[in-house]
Amino acid sequence: MSELVDKMQHRFKQSSGDIFNFFLKVFTGLVLGLTLALIIHEMMGKKDGDGMLSFLFIILVVTGVFMRVAKKWPVVPVLVFDLVCILIGIVLKFYVMVAPGA
């Protein structure tokens, strides 16, 4: 009986970790997709309401590509990837603030 309880606890712990990892990857993919969709939206010079279908399409495609690339990644590499993306965003923000006339 004790072995059955230990097996259930182990499977519950493993399933919880897998679910967290999946939602972390989905969230990262959605943030990447939203960022790229906003960049492309601004580059094309569209107004706020124009191109909503293409906006959603870009978000879904980027999320799917990220999910495919990060299929075998555990939690730690996904968190490191998120950290690198945040640091790159901060560097770009500082570049824009320092060189406003360029």
PDB file of N, CA and C in Angstrom:
ATOM      1  N   MET A   1       0.826  -1.197   0.000  1.00  0.00           N
ATOM      2  CA  MET A   1       0.000   0.000   0.000  1.00  0.00           C
ATOM      3  C   MET A   1       0.871   1.263   0.000  1.00  0.00           C
ATOM      4  N   SER A   2       1.944   1.198   0.762  1.00  0.00           N
ATOM      5  CA  SER A   2       2.854   2.332   0.831  1.00  0.00           C
ATOM      6  C   SER A   2       3.494   2.597  -0.526  1.00  0.00           C
ATOM      7  N   GLU A   3       3.776   1.538  -1.251  1.00  0.00           N
ATOM      8  CA  GLU A   3       4.384   1.684  -2.573  1.00  0.00           C
ATOM      9  C   GLU A   3       3.427   2.370  -3.543  1.00  0.00           C
ATOM     10  N   LEU A   4       2.160   2.071  -3.440  1.00  0.00           N
ATOM     11  CA  LEU A   4       1.148   2.693  -4.291  1.00  0.00           C
ATOM     12  C   LEU A   4       1.044   4.192  -4.002  1.00  0.00           C
ATOM     13  N   VAL A   5       1.072   4.556  -2.733  1.00  0.00           N
ATOM     14  CA  VAL A   5       0.994   5.968  -2.350  1.00  0.00           C
ATOM     15  C   VAL A   5       2.237   6.711  -2.832  1.00  0.00           C
ATOM     16  N   ASP A   6       3.400   6.094  -2.691  1.00  0.00           N
ATOM     17  CA  ASP A   6       4.637   6.724  -3.165  1.00  0.00           C
ATOM     18  C   ASP A   6       4.609   6.924  -4.679  1.00  0.00           C
ATOM     19  N   LYS A   7       4.093   5.938  -5.392  1.00  0.00           N
ATOM     20  CA  LYS A   7       4.004   6.033  -6.852  1.00  0.00           C
ATOM     21  C   LYS A   7       3.046   7.151  -7.266  1.00  0.00           C
ATOM     22  N   MET A   8       1.923   7.276  -6.561  1.00  0.00           N
ATOM     23  CA  MET A   8       0.949   8.341  -6.860  1.00  0.00           C
ATOM     24  C   MET A   8       1.545   9.716  -6.578  1.00  0.00           C
ATOM     25  N   GLN A   9       2.279   9.844  -5.468  1.00  0.00           N
ATOM     26  CA  GLN A   9       2.910  11.124  -5.142  1.00  0.00           C
ATOM     27  C   GLN A   9       3.940  11.502  -6.201  1.00  0.00           C
ATOM     28  N   HIS A  10       4.710  10.530  -6.636  1.00  0.00           N
ATOM     29  CA  HIS A  10       5.734  10.799  -7.657  1.00  0.00           C
ATOM     30  C   HIS A  10       5.080  11.226  -8.976  1.00  0.00           C
ATOM     31  N   ARG A  11       4.034  10.536  -9.379  1.00  0.00           N
ATOM     32  CA  ARG A  11       3.349  10.893 -10.634  1.00  0.00           C
ATOM     33  C   ARG A  11       2.669  12.253 -10.537  1.00  0.00           C
ATOM     34  N   PHE A  12       2.105  12.568  -9.377  1.00  0.00           N
ATOM     35  CA  PHE A  12       1.477  13.875  -9.192  1.00  0.00           C
ATOM     36  C   PHE A  12       2.523  14.979  -9.274  1.00  0.00           C
ATOM     37  N   LYS A  13       3.675  14.767  -8.659  1.00  0.00           N
ATOM     38  CA  LYS A  13       4.752  15.754  -8.696  1.00  0.00           C
ATOM     39  C   LYS A  13       5.262  15.927 -10.123  1.00  0.00           C
ATOM     40  N   GLN A  14       5.442  14.826 -10.842  1.00  0.00           N
ATOM     41  CA  GLN A  14       5.924  14.887 -12.212  1.00  0.00           C
ATOM     42  C   GLN A  14       4.891  15.568 -13.119  1.00  0.00           C
ATOM     43  N   SER A  15       3.623  15.258 -12.950  1.00  0.00           N
ATOM     44  CA  SER A  15       2.574  15.866 -13.770  1.00  0.00           C
ATOM     45  C   SER A  15       2.464  17.363 -13.499  1.00  0.00           C
ATOM     46  N   SER A  16       2.578  17.759 -12.237  1.00  0.00           N
ATOM     47  CA  SER A  16       2.518  19.180 -11.895  1.00  0.00           C
ATOM     48  C   SER A  16       3.664  19.937 -12.548  1.00  0.00           C
ATOM     49  N   GLY A  17       4.848  19.360 -12.523  1.00  0.00           N
ATOM     50  CA  GLY A  17       6.001  19.997 -13.156  1.00  0.00           C
ATOM     51  C   GLY A  17       5.837  20.092 -14.662  1.00  0.00           C
ATOM     52  N   ASP A  18       5.299  19.047 -15.278  1.00  0.00           N
ATOM     53  CA  ASP A  18       5.084  19.069 -16.726  1.00  0.00           C
ATOM     54  C   ASP A  18       4.041  20.110 -17.129  1.00  0.00           C
ATOM     55  N   ILE A  19       2.983  20.224 -16.345  1.00  0.00           N
ATOM     56  CA  ILE A  19       1.950  21.228 -16.637  1.00  0.00           C
ATOM     57  C   ILE A  19       2.511  22.640 -16.489  1.00  0.00           C
ATOM     58  N   PHE A  20       3.299  22.877 -15.432  1.00  0.00           N
ATOM     59  CA  PHE A  20       3.929  24.187 -15.244  1.00  0.00           C
ATOM     60  C   PHE A  20       4.860  24.500 -16.408  1.00  0.00           C
ATOM     61  N   ASN A  21       5.656  23.523 -16.829  1.00  0.00           N
ATOM     62  CA  ASN A  21       6.581  23.717 -17.939  1.00  0.00           C
ATOM     63  C   ASN A  21       5.824  24.048 -19.226  1.00  0.00           C
ATOM     64  N   PHE A  22       4.727  23.357 -19.486  1.00  0.00           N
ATOM     65  CA  PHE A  22       3.936  23.610 -20.685  1.00  0.00           C
ATOM     66  C   PHE A  22       3.370  25.034 -20.681  1.00  0.00           C
ATOM     67  N   PHE A  23       2.781  25.451 -19.570  1.00  0.00           N
ATOM     68  CA  PHE A  23       2.195  26.792 -19.520  1.00  0.00           C
ATOM     69  C   PHE A  23       3.261  27.883 -19.548  1.00  0.00           C
ATOM     70  N   LEU A  24       4.445  27.593 -19.008  1.00  0.00           N
ATOM     71  CA  LEU A  24       5.547  28.546 -19.103  1.00  0.00           C
ATOM     72  C   LEU A  24       5.973  28.721 -20.557  1.00  0.00           C
ATOM     73  N   LYS A  25       6.040  27.631 -21.308  1.00  0.00           N
ATOM     74  CA  LYS A  25       6.392  27.707 -22.722  1.00  0.00           C
ATOM     75  C   LYS A  25       5.318  28.439 -23.523  1.00  0.00           C
ATOM     76  N   VAL A  26       4.053  28.163 -23.223  1.00  0.00           N
ATOM     77  CA  VAL A  26       2.968  28.859 -23.925  1.00  0.00           C
ATOM     78  C   VAL A  26       3.020  30.359 -23.637  1.00  0.00           C
ATOM     79  N   PHE A  27       3.230  30.726 -22.382  1.00  0.00           N
ATOM     80  CA  PHE A  27       3.307  32.140 -22.015  1.00  0.00           C
ATOM     81  C   PHE A  27       4.482  32.819 -22.713  1.00  0.00           C
ATOM     82  N   THR A  28       5.638  32.156 -22.724  1.00  0.00           N
ATOM     83  CA  THR A  28       6.813  32.719 -23.396  1.00  0.00           C
ATOM     84  C   THR A  28       6.554  32.880 -24.887  1.00  0.00           C
ATOM     85  N   GLY A  29       5.940  31.881 -25.509  1.00  0.00           N
ATOM     86  CA  GLY A  29       5.622  31.967 -26.927  1.00  0.00           C
ATOM     87  C   GLY A  29       4.640  33.085 -27.228  1.00  0.00           C
ATOM     88  N   LEU A  30       3.636  33.251 -26.362  1.00  0.00           N
ATOM     89  CA  LEU A  30       2.667  34.325 -26.579  1.00  0.00           C
ATOM     90  C   LEU A  30       3.303  35.699 -26.438  1.00  0.00           C
ATOM     91  N   VAL A  31       4.201  35.857 -25.472  1.00  0.00           N
ATOM     92  CA  VAL A  31       4.880  37.150 -25.299  1.00  0.00           C
ATOM     93  C   VAL A  31       5.781  37.438 -26.493  1.00  0.00           C
ATOM     94  N   LEU A  32       6.519  36.429 -26.954  1.00  0.00           N
ATOM     95  CA  LEU A  32       7.346  36.611 -28.155  1.00  0.00           C
ATOM     96  C   LEU A  32       6.477  36.952 -29.369  1.00  0.00           C
ATOM     97  N   GLY A  33       5.383  36.243 -29.522  1.00  0.00           N
ATOM     98  CA  GLY A  33       4.489  36.491 -30.644  1.00  0.00           C
ATOM     99  C   GLY A  33       3.888  37.882 -30.596  1.00  0.00           C
ATOM    100  N   LEU A  34       3.468  38.304 -29.421  1.00  0.00           N
ATOM    101  CA  LEU A  34       2.909  39.648 -29.278  1.00  0.00           C
ATOM    102  C   LEU A  34       3.949  40.711 -29.601  1.00  0.00           C
ATOM    103  N   THR A  35       5.171  40.503 -29.135  1.00  0.00           N
ATOM    104  CA  THR A  35       6.243  41.465 -29.402  1.00  0.00           C
ATOM    105  C   THR A  35       6.526  41.562 -30.897  1.00  0.00           C
ATOM    106  N   LEU A  36       6.683  40.429 -31.552  1.00  0.00           N
ATOM    107  CA  LEU A  36       6.954  40.461 -32.985  1.00  0.00           C
ATOM    108  C   LEU A  36       5.762  40.991 -33.776  1.00  0.00           C
ATOM    109  N   ALA A  37       4.556  40.670 -33.342  1.00  0.00           N
ATOM    110  CA  ALA A  37       3.373  41.189 -34.037  1.00  0.00           C
ATOM    111  C   ALA A  37       3.287  42.708 -33.915  1.00  0.00           C
ATOM    112  N   LEU A  38       3.615  43.232 -32.745  1.00  0.00           N
ATOM    113  CA  LEU A  38       3.612  44.693 -32.579  1.00  0.00           C
ATOM    114  C   LEU A  38       4.685  45.355 -33.434  1.00  0.00           C
ATOM    115  N   ILE A  39       5.865  44.734 -33.503  1.00  0.00           N
ATOM    116  CA  ILE A  39       6.938  45.294 -34.329  1.00  0.00           C
ATOM    117  C   ILE A  39       6.528  45.301 -35.794  1.00  0.00           C
ATOM    118  N   ILE A  40       6.003  44.205 -36.283  1.00  0.00           N
ATOM    119  CA  ILE A  40       5.587  44.123 -37.688  1.00  0.00           C
ATOM    120  C   ILE A  40       4.417  45.064 -37.962  1.00  0.00           C
ATOM    121  N   HIS A  41       3.504  45.166 -37.008  1.00  0.00           N
ATOM    122  CA  HIS A  41       2.356  46.062 -37.143  1.00  0.00           C
ATOM    123  C   HIS A  41       2.818  47.513 -37.299  1.00  0.00           C
ATOM    124  N   GLU A  42       3.811  47.914 -36.502  1.00  0.00           N
ATOM    125  CA  GLU A  42       4.327  49.287 -36.591  1.00  0.00           C
ATOM    126  C   GLU A  42       5.133  49.501 -37.876  1.00  0.00           C
ATOM    127  N   MET A  43       5.891  48.480 -38.284  1.00  0.00           N
ATOM    128  CA  MET A  43       6.691  48.624 -39.507  1.00  0.00           C
ATOM    129  C   MET A  43       5.813  48.776 -40.742  1.00  0.00           C
ATOM    130  N   MET A  44       4.665  48.120 -40.721  1.00  0.00           N
ATOM    131  CA  MET A  44       3.759  48.214 -41.860  1.00  0.00           C
ATOM    132  C   MET A  44       2.951  49.509 -41.826  1.00  0.00           C
ATOM    133  N   GLY A  45       2.973  50.220 -40.711  1.00  0.00           N
ATOM    134  CA  GLY A  45       2.286  51.498 -40.611  1.00  0.00           C
ATOM    135  C   GLY A  45       0.780  51.380 -40.541  1.00  0.00           C
ATOM    136  N   LYS A  46       0.292  50.306 -39.975  1.00  0.00           N
ATOM    137  CA  LYS A  46      -1.164  50.114 -39.879  1.00  0.00           C
ATOM    138  C   LYS A  46      -1.712  50.903 -38.699  1.00  0.00           C
ATOM    139  N   LYS A  47      -2.976  51.241 -38.824  1.00  0.00           N
ATOM    140  CA  LYS A  47      -3.652  51.924 -37.723  1.00  0.00           C
ATOM    141  C   LYS A  47      -4.064  50.893 -36.683  1.00  0.00           C
ATOM    142  N   ASP A  48      -4.652  51.348 -35.591  1.00  0.00           N
ATOM    143  CA  ASP A  48      -4.947  50.458 -34.466  1.00  0.00           C
ATOM    144  C   ASP A  48      -5.885  49.314 -34.828  1.00  0.00           C
ATOM    145  N   GLY A  49      -6.915  49.558 -35.614  1.00  0.00           N
ATOM    146  CA  GLY A  49      -7.894  48.522 -35.903  1.00  0.00           C
ATOM    147  C   GLY A  49      -7.600  47.690 -37.136  1.00  0.00           C
ATOM    148  N   ASP A  50      -6.632  48.115 -37.944  1.00  0.00           N
ATOM    149  CA  ASP A  50      -6.336  47.421 -39.203  1.00  0.00           C
ATOM    150  C   ASP A  50      -5.470  46.192 -38.959  1.00  0.00           C
ATOM    151  N   GLY A  51      -5.689  45.171 -39.741  1.00  0.00           N
ATOM    152  CA  GLY A  51      -4.836  43.994 -39.724  1.00  0.00           C
ATOM    153  C   GLY A  51      -4.935  43.135 -38.481  1.00  0.00           C
ATOM    154  N   MET A  52      -6.110  43.052 -37.894  1.00  0.00           N
ATOM    155  CA  MET A  52      -6.265  42.260 -36.674  1.00  0.00           C
ATOM    156  C   MET A  52      -6.053  40.774 -36.940  1.00  0.00           C
ATOM    157  N   LEU A  53      -6.485  40.300 -38.104  1.00  0.00           N
ATOM    158  CA  LEU A  53      -6.316  38.891 -38.437  1.00  0.00           C
ATOM    159  C   LEU A  53      -4.835  38.547 -38.604  1.00  0.00           C
ATOM    160  N   SER A  54      -4.095  39.407 -39.273  1.00  0.00           N
ATOM    161  CA  SER A  54      -2.660  39.156 -39.428  1.00  0.00           C
ATOM    162  C   SER A  54      -1.942  39.264 -38.083  1.00  0.00           C
ATOM    163  N   PHE A  55      -2.409  40.147 -37.235  1.00  0.00           N
ATOM    164  CA  PHE A  55      -1.847  40.306 -35.888  1.00  0.00           C
ATOM    165  C   PHE A  55      -1.987  39.000 -35.105  1.00  0.00           C
ATOM    166  N   LEU A  56      -3.174  38.430 -35.101  1.00  0.00           N
ATOM    167  CA  LEU A  56      -3.406  37.169 -34.399  1.00  0.00           C
ATOM    168  C   LEU A  56      -2.662  36.010 -35.055  1.00  0.00           C
ATOM    169  N   PHE A  57      -2.587  36.032 -36.386  1.00  0.00           N
ATOM    170  CA  PHE A  57      -1.877  34.984 -37.099  1.00  0.00           C
ATOM    171  C   PHE A  57      -0.399  34.970 -36.731  1.00  0.00           C
ATOM    172  N   ILE A  58       0.218  36.134 -36.649  1.00  0.00           N
ATOM    173  CA  ILE A  58       1.632  36.221 -36.278  1.00  0.00           C
ATOM    174  C   ILE A  58       1.835  35.707 -34.858  1.00  0.00           C
ATOM    175  N   ILE A  59       0.958  36.080 -33.960  1.00  0.00           N
ATOM    176  CA  ILE A  59       1.077  35.617 -32.571  1.00  0.00           C
ATOM    177  C   ILE A  59       0.986  34.091 -32.511  1.00  0.00           C
ATOM    178  N   LEU A  60       0.020  33.505 -33.215  1.00  0.00           N
ATOM    179  CA  LEU A  60      -0.147  32.053 -33.191  1.00  0.00           C
ATOM    180  C   LEU A  60       1.018  31.322 -33.854  1.00  0.00           C
ATOM    181  N   VAL A  61       1.513  31.851 -34.954  1.00  0.00           N
ATOM    182  CA  VAL A  61       2.628  31.200 -35.644  1.00  0.00           C
ATOM    183  C   VAL A  61       3.893  31.236 -34.792  1.00  0.00           C
ATOM    184  N   VAL A  62       4.188  32.381 -34.202  1.00  0.00           N
ATOM    185  CA  VAL A  62       5.392  32.490 -33.367  1.00  0.00           C
ATOM    186  C   VAL A  62       5.262  31.607 -32.128  1.00  0.00           C
ATOM    187  N   THR A  63       4.082  31.556 -31.541  1.00  0.00           N
ATOM    188  CA  THR A  63       3.877  30.675 -30.388  1.00  0.00           C
ATOM    189  C   THR A  63       4.074  29.219 -30.786  1.00  0.00           C
ATOM    190  N   GLY A  64       3.532  28.826 -31.926  1.00  0.00           N
ATOM    191  CA  GLY A  64       3.707  27.453 -32.398  1.00  0.00           C
ATOM    192  C   GLY A  64       5.148  27.114 -32.707  1.00  0.00           C
ATOM    193  N   VAL A  65       5.864  28.036 -33.331  1.00  0.00           N
ATOM    194  CA  VAL A  65       7.274  27.802 -33.639  1.00  0.00           C
ATOM    195  C   VAL A  65       8.085  27.682 -32.350  1.00  0.00           C
ATOM    196  N   PHE A  66       7.807  28.551 -31.383  1.00  0.00           N
ATOM    197  CA  PHE A  66       8.539  28.456 -30.116  1.00  0.00           C
ATOM    198  C   PHE A  66       8.226  27.151 -29.399  1.00  0.00           C
ATOM    199  N   MET A  67       6.972  26.738 -29.416  1.00  0.00           N
ATOM    200  CA  MET A  67       6.609  25.474 -28.766  1.00  0.00           C
ATOM    201  C   MET A  67       7.321  24.303 -29.448  1.00  0.00           C
ATOM    202  N   ARG A  68       7.467  24.380 -30.756  1.00  0.00           N
ATOM    203  CA  ARG A  68       8.149  23.313 -31.496  1.00  0.00           C
ATOM    204  C   ARG A  68       9.649  23.294 -31.173  1.00  0.00           C
ATOM    205  N   VAL A  69      10.259  24.478 -31.123  1.00  0.00           N
ATOM    206  CA  VAL A  69      11.694  24.564 -30.832  1.00  0.00           C
ATOM    207  C   VAL A  69      11.988  24.133 -29.400  1.00  0.00           C
ATOM    208  N   ALA A  70      11.139  24.550 -28.467  1.00  0.00           N
ATOM    209  CA  ALA A  70      11.382  24.296 -27.044  1.00  0.00           C
ATOM    210  C   ALA A  70      10.684  23.032 -26.550  1.00  0.00           C
ATOM    211  N   LYS A  71      10.394  22.111 -27.445  1.00  0.00           N
ATOM    212  CA  LYS A  71       9.645  20.914 -27.066  1.00  0.00           C
ATOM    213  C   LYS A  71      10.360  20.099 -25.994  1.00  0.00           C
ATOM    214  N   LYS A  72      11.652  19.945 -26.106  1.00  0.00           N
ATOM    215  CA  LYS A  72      12.409  19.105 -25.180  1.00  0.00           C
ATOM    216  C   LYS A  72      13.070  19.896 -24.046  1.00  0.00           C
ATOM    217  N   TRP A  73      12.867  21.204 -23.999  1.00  0.00           N
ATOM    218  CA  TRP A  73      13.517  22.014 -22.971  1.00  0.00           C
ATOM    219  C   TRP A  73      12.842  21.820 -21.616  1.00  0.00           C
ATOM    220  N   PRO A  74      13.627  21.604 -20.569  1.00  0.00           N
ATOM    221  CA  PRO A  74      13.031  21.633 -19.223  1.00  0.00           C
ATOM    222  C   PRO A  74      12.790  23.083 -18.773  1.00  0.00           C
ATOM    223  N   VAL A  75      12.429  23.259 -17.533  1.00  0.00           N
ATOM    224  CA  VAL A  75      12.030  24.581 -17.032  1.00  0.00           C
ATOM    225  C   VAL A  75      13.195  25.562 -17.024  1.00  0.00           C
ATOM    226  N   VAL A  76      14.355  25.135 -16.585  1.00  0.00           N
ATOM    227  CA  VAL A  76      15.477  26.067 -16.401  1.00  0.00           C
ATOM    228  C   VAL A  76      15.912  26.716 -17.718  1.00  0.00           C
ATOM    229  N   PRO A  77      16.097  25.989 -18.813  1.00  0.00           N
ATOM    230  CA  PRO A  77      16.453  26.682 -20.062  1.00  0.00           C
ATOM    231  C   PRO A  77      15.386  27.661 -20.553  1.00  0.00           C
ATOM    232  N   VAL A  78      14.134  27.366 -20.307  1.00  0.00           N
ATOM    233  CA  VAL A  78      13.069  28.304 -20.700  1.00  0.00           C
ATOM    234  C   VAL A  78      13.186  29.581 -19.872  1.00  0.00           C
ATOM    235  N   LEU A  79      13.453  29.450 -18.572  1.00  0.00           N
ATOM    236  CA  LEU A  79      13.625  30.629 -17.727  1.00  0.00           C
ATOM    237  C   LEU A  79      14.867  31.424 -18.119  1.00  0.00           C
ATOM    238  N   VAL A  80      15.944  30.739 -18.505  1.00  0.00           N
ATOM    239  CA  VAL A  80      17.153  31.438 -18.964  1.00  0.00           C
ATOM    240  C   VAL A  80      16.863  32.171 -20.271  1.00  0.00           C
ATOM    241  N   PHE A  81      16.118  31.539 -21.174  1.00  0.00           N
ATOM    242  CA  PHE A  81      15.726  32.197 -22.422  1.00  0.00           C
ATOM    243  C   PHE A  81      14.892  33.447 -22.126  1.00  0.00           C
ATOM    244  N   ASP A  82      13.957  33.343 -21.192  1.00  0.00           N
ATOM    245  CA  ASP A  82      13.155  34.507 -20.806  1.00  0.00           C
ATOM    246  C   ASP A  82      14.037  35.623 -20.257  1.00  0.00           C
ATOM    247  N   LEU A  83      14.999  35.260 -19.427  1.00  0.00           N
ATOM    248  CA  LEU A  83      15.906  36.255 -18.845  1.00  0.00           C
ATOM    249  C   LEU A  83      16.731  36.946 -19.923  1.00  0.00           C
ATOM    250  N   VAL A  84      17.240  36.187 -20.887  1.00  0.00           N
ATOM    251  CA  VAL A  84      18.013  36.775 -21.984  1.00  0.00           C
ATOM    252  C   VAL A  84      17.135  37.716 -22.809  1.00  0.00           C
ATOM    253  N   CYS A  85      15.903  37.329 -23.082  1.00  0.00           N
ATOM    254  CA  CYS A  85      14.985  38.201 -23.837  1.00  0.00           C
ATOM    255  C   CYS A  85      14.700  39.497 -23.074  1.00  0.00           C
ATOM    256  N   ILE A  86      14.523  39.401 -21.774  1.00  0.00           N
ATOM    257  CA  ILE A  86      14.277  40.596 -20.961  1.00  0.00           C
ATOM    258  C   ILE A  86      15.492  41.514 -20.986  1.00  0.00           C
ATOM    259  N   LEU A  87      16.690  40.932 -20.859  1.00  0.00           N
ATOM    260  CA  LEU A  87      17.906  41.745 -20.879  1.00  0.00           C
ATOM    261  C   LEU A  87      18.106  42.424 -22.231  1.00  0.00           C
ATOM    262  N   ILE A  88      17.823  41.725 -23.320  1.00  0.00           N
ATOM    263  CA  ILE A  88      17.920  42.332 -24.649  1.00  0.00           C
ATOM    264  C   ILE A  88      16.920  43.480 -24.777  1.00  0.00           C
ATOM    265  N   GLY A  89      15.715  43.301 -24.262  1.00  0.00           N
ATOM    266  CA  GLY A  89      14.718  44.374 -24.285  1.00  0.00           C
ATOM    267  C   GLY A  89      15.157  45.588 -23.497  1.00  0.00           C
ATOM    268  N   ILE A  90      15.788  45.377 -22.360  1.00  0.00           N
ATOM    269  CA  ILE A  90      16.269  46.502 -21.545  1.00  0.00           C
ATOM    270  C   ILE A  90      17.388  47.249 -22.274  1.00  0.00           C
ATOM    271  N   VAL A  91      18.300  46.513 -22.907  1.00  0.00           N
ATOM    272  CA  VAL A  91      19.385  47.154 -23.664  1.00  0.00           C
ATOM    273  C   VAL A  91      18.814  47.972 -24.822  1.00  0.00           C
ATOM    274  N   LEU A  92      17.837  47.439 -25.531  1.00  0.00           N
ATOM    275  CA  LEU A  92      17.222  48.194 -26.625  1.00  0.00           C
ATOM    276  C   LEU A  92      16.493  49.429 -26.124  1.00  0.00           C
ATOM    277  N   LYS A  93      15.858  49.311 -24.970  1.00  0.00           N
ATOM    278  CA  LYS A  93      15.170  50.472 -24.379  1.00  0.00           C
ATOM    279  C   LYS A  93      16.178  51.567 -24.040  1.00  0.00           C
ATOM    280  N   PHE A  94      17.314  51.183 -23.450  1.00  0.00           N
ATOM    281  CA  PHE A  94      18.341  52.176 -23.131  1.00  0.00           C
ATOM    282  C   PHE A  94      18.923  52.803 -24.392  1.00  0.00           C
ATOM    283  N   TYR A  95      19.071  52.023 -25.443  1.00  0.00           N
ATOM    284  CA  TYR A  95      19.577  52.552 -26.696  1.00  0.00           C
ATOM    285  C   TYR A  95      18.629  53.593 -27.259  1.00  0.00           C
ATOM    286  N   VAL A  96      17.339  53.332 -27.210  1.00  0.00           N
ATOM    287  CA  VAL A  96      16.351  54.282 -27.712  1.00  0.00           C
ATOM    288  C   VAL A  96      16.350  55.556 -26.857  1.00  0.00           C
ATOM    289  N   MET A  97      16.520  55.408 -25.541  1.00  0.00           N
ATOM    290  CA  MET A  97      16.515  56.576 -24.666  1.00  0.00           C
ATOM    291  C   MET A  97      17.764  57.427 -24.830  1.00  0.00           C
ATOM    292  N   VAL A  98      18.912  56.797 -25.085  1.00  0.00           N
ATOM    293  CA  VAL A  98      20.164  57.542 -25.198  1.00  0.00           C
ATOM    294  C   VAL A  98      20.280  58.237 -26.548  1.00  0.00           C
ATOM    295  N   ALA A  99      19.808  57.617 -27.621  1.00  0.00           N
ATOM    296  CA  ALA A  99      19.959  58.175 -28.960  1.00  0.00           C
ATOM    297  C   ALA A  99      18.598  58.540 -29.548  1.00  0.00           C
ATOM    298  N   PRO A 100      17.923  59.567 -28.997  1.00  0.00           N
ATOM    299  CA  PRO A 100      16.592  59.894 -29.522  1.00  0.00           C
ATOM    300  C   PRO A 100      16.625  60.553 -30.901  1.00  0.00           C
ATOM    301  N   GLY A 101      17.703  61.258 -31.248  1.00  0.00           N
ATOM    302  CA  GLY A 101      17.745  61.954 -32.538  1.00  0.00           C
ATOM    303  C   GLY A 101      18.286  61.103 -33.662  1.00  0.00           C
ATOM    304  N   ALA A 102      18.854  59.954 -33.351  1.00  0.00           N
ATOM    305  CA  ALA A 102      19.500  59.138 -34.389  1.00  0.00           C
ATOM    306  C   ALA A 102      18.506  58.351 -35.198  1.00  0.00           C
TER     307      ALA A 102
END
